[in-house]
Every structure is written in structure tokens, then in C-alpha cells.
Amino acid sequence: MIDPKYIKNLTPPQDILDQCHQVLLPDPPEILWKMKRWARTNCASFVWAELVDTSDFSYDYDSICAFYFGNEQDKLMFMLKYST
């Protein structure tokens, strides 16, 4: 049985995300779910993706996409696909 405290919040623990290679996309070229699907399909070490609200800190962007990968090669593959 799954512990109920994990059902509401399925995000990985912050200490795990801190160990990952992160890609930040301030102006994502596609919808988040399409990029997540591509990452899950093509990057074996894909860990997590989230939309981060930056409206309090940035005048240019209201939100950015953050993607987390376990190894550098998958991070580079994703950056080649989606970074401008």
C-alpha cells in the first residue's frame, strides 16, 4: 500500500533533485507535457520536470520549465532538442 503522504505530493525529495543535472527553459518552445513525454521516451535518466513560478522575481517570464536528469549525456540530448 502506498503511504498517503506521497499520494498528494509525488515530487522527488529535494536532496535527490539537488544531485541531478538541471535544464531551465525560460521560454519553452512546446507545451510542458510534450517535452516531458519526449524526455521520458528518449532520456533514460529523466527524473522530473516542473513548471516554476518566477513572476515575483522576473519581469520577463512568469514561469520557467525545470527538467532534471541523472546523467550529463541525457541533459545534453534534451538541450540540443529544446534549447534555443
C-alpha atoms as a PDB file:
ATOM      1  CA  MET A   1       0.000   0.000   0.000  1.00  0.00           C
ATOM      2  CA  ILE A   2       1.255   3.483  -0.872  1.00  0.00           C
ATOM      3  CA  ASP A   3       1.736   5.839   2.041  1.00  0.00           C
ATOM      4  CA  PRO A   4      -0.974   8.566   1.774  1.00  0.00           C
ATOM      5  CA  LYS A   5       1.526  11.380   2.349  1.00  0.00           C
ATOM      6  CA  TYR A   6       3.124  10.528  -1.032  1.00  0.00           C
ATOM      7  CA  ILE A   7      -0.133  10.464  -2.976  1.00  0.00           C
ATOM      8  CA  LYS A   8      -0.701  14.226  -2.772  1.00  0.00           C
ATOM      9  CA  ASN A   9       2.902  15.133  -3.448  1.00  0.00           C
ATOM     10  CA  LEU A  10       4.550  12.851  -5.986  1.00  0.00           C
ATOM     11  CA  THR A  11       7.601  15.065  -6.424  1.00  0.00           C
ATOM     12  CA  PRO A  12      11.001  13.552  -5.696  1.00  0.00           C
ATOM     13  CA  PRO A  13      12.729  14.689  -2.497  1.00  0.00           C
ATOM     14  CA  GLN A  14      14.771  17.886  -2.839  1.00  0.00           C
ATOM     15  CA  ASP A  15      18.043  16.133  -1.946  1.00  0.00           C
ATOM     16  CA  ILE A  16      17.559  13.845  -4.967  1.00  0.00           C
ATOM     17  CA  LEU A  17      16.827  16.791  -7.271  1.00  0.00           C
ATOM     18  CA  ASP A  18      19.907  18.605  -5.962  1.00  0.00           C
ATOM     19  CA  GLN A  19      22.080  15.739  -7.227  1.00  0.00           C
ATOM     20  CA  CYS A  20      20.584  15.872 -10.747  1.00  0.00           C
ATOM     21  CA  HIS A  21      21.656  17.817 -13.809  1.00  0.00           C
ATOM     22  CA  GLN A  22      19.132  20.598 -14.319  1.00  0.00           C
ATOM     23  CA  VAL A  23      17.935  22.282 -17.512  1.00  0.00           C
ATOM     24  CA  LEU A  24      15.988  25.546 -17.190  1.00  0.00           C
ATOM     25  CA  LEU A  25      13.921  26.766 -20.139  1.00  0.00           C
ATOM     26  CA  PRO A  26      12.677  30.329 -19.575  1.00  0.00           C
ATOM     27  CA  ASP A  27      10.553  30.431 -22.720  1.00  0.00           C
ATOM     28  CA  PRO A  28       9.621  26.816 -23.521  1.00  0.00           C
ATOM     29  CA  PRO A  29       9.195  26.098 -27.229  1.00  0.00           C
ATOM     30  CA  GLU A  30       6.454  23.497 -26.610  1.00  0.00           C
ATOM     31  CA  ILE A  31       3.847  22.562 -24.057  1.00  0.00           C
ATOM     32  CA  LEU A  32       5.316  21.031 -20.894  1.00  0.00           C
ATOM     33  CA  TRP A  33       3.639  17.631 -21.259  1.00  0.00           C
ATOM     34  CA  LYS A  34       5.012  17.211 -24.798  1.00  0.00           C
ATOM     35  CA  MET A  35       8.549  17.932 -23.606  1.00  0.00           C
ATOM     36  CA  LYS A  36       8.108  15.549 -20.657  1.00  0.00           C
ATOM     37  CA  ARG A  37       6.900  12.810 -22.992  1.00  0.00           C
ATOM     38  CA  TRP A  38       9.918  13.316 -25.269  1.00  0.00           C
ATOM     39  CA  ALA A  39      12.286  13.233 -22.273  1.00  0.00           C
ATOM     40  CA  ARG A  40      10.696  10.048 -20.898  1.00  0.00           C
ATOM     41  CA  THR A  41      10.965   8.368 -24.290  1.00  0.00           C
ATOM     42  CA  ASN A  42      14.484   9.446 -25.262  1.00  0.00           C
ATOM     43  CA  CYS A  43      16.360  10.053 -21.997  1.00  0.00           C
ATOM     44  CA  ALA A  44      16.773   7.025 -19.749  1.00  0.00           C
ATOM     45  CA  SER A  45      17.911   9.108 -16.774  1.00  0.00           C
ATOM     46  CA  PHE A  46      14.984  11.577 -16.850  1.00  0.00           C
ATOM     47  CA  VAL A  47      13.915  12.187 -13.246  1.00  0.00           C
ATOM     48  CA  TRP A  48      11.433  15.051 -13.049  1.00  0.00           C
ATOM     49  CA  ALA A  49      10.022  18.145 -14.748  1.00  0.00           C
ATOM     50  CA  GLU A  50       8.121  21.022 -13.237  1.00  0.00           C
ATOM     51  CA  LEU A  51       6.828  24.466 -14.027  1.00  0.00           C
ATOM     52  CA  VAL A  52       8.368  27.024 -11.656  1.00  0.00           C
ATOM     53  CA  ASP A  53       6.554  30.304 -10.992  1.00  0.00           C
ATOM     54  CA  THR A  54       9.005  33.210 -11.329  1.00  0.00           C
ATOM     55  CA  SER A  55       6.534  36.087 -11.553  1.00  0.00           C
ATOM     56  CA  ASP A  56       7.815  37.582  -8.279  1.00  0.00           C
ATOM     57  CA  PHE A  57      11.430  37.607  -9.466  1.00  0.00           C
ATOM     58  CA  SER A  58      11.344  38.247 -13.189  1.00  0.00           C
ATOM     59  CA  TYR A  59       9.705  40.921 -15.309  1.00  0.00           C
ATOM     60  CA  ASP A  60      10.270  38.935 -18.488  1.00  0.00           C
ATOM     61  CA  TYR A  61       8.982  35.467 -17.591  1.00  0.00           C
ATOM     62  CA  ASP A  62       6.077  34.377 -15.419  1.00  0.00           C
ATOM     63  CA  SER A  63       7.234  30.788 -15.300  1.00  0.00           C
ATOM     64  CA  ILE A  64      10.089  28.587 -16.429  1.00  0.00           C
ATOM     65  CA  CYS A  65      10.323  24.859 -17.055  1.00  0.00           C
ATOM     66  CA  ALA A  66      12.826  22.911 -14.969  1.00  0.00           C
ATOM     67  CA  PHE A  67      13.920  19.454 -16.126  1.00  0.00           C
ATOM     68  CA  TYR A  68      16.102  17.107 -14.060  1.00  0.00           C
ATOM     69  CA  PHE A  69      18.312  14.334 -15.448  1.00  0.00           C
ATOM     70  CA  GLY A  70      20.517  11.742 -13.792  1.00  0.00           C
ATOM     71  CA  ASN A  71      23.403  11.989 -16.242  1.00  0.00           C
ATOM     72  CA  GLU A  72      25.085  14.628 -18.360  1.00  0.00           C
ATOM     73  CA  GLN A  73      24.501  12.884 -21.708  1.00  0.00           C
ATOM     74  CA  ASP A  74      20.719  12.953 -21.363  1.00  0.00           C
ATOM     75  CA  LYS A  75      20.863  16.573 -20.272  1.00  0.00           C
ATOM     76  CA  LEU A  76      22.826  17.455 -23.408  1.00  0.00           C
ATOM     77  CA  MET A  77      20.435  15.493 -25.644  1.00  0.00           C
ATOM     78  CA  PHE A  78      17.497  17.393 -24.181  1.00  0.00           C
ATOM     79  CA  MET A  79      19.278  20.730 -24.514  1.00  0.00           C
ATOM     80  CA  LEU A  80      20.052  20.038 -28.165  1.00  0.00           C
ATOM     81  CA  LYS A  81      16.391  19.315 -28.789  1.00  0.00           C
ATOM     82  CA  TYR A  82      14.776  22.187 -26.867  1.00  0.00           C
ATOM     83  CA  SER A  83      17.243  24.965 -26.058  1.00  0.00           C
ATOM     84  CA  THR A  84      17.272  27.949 -28.346  1.00  0.00           C
END
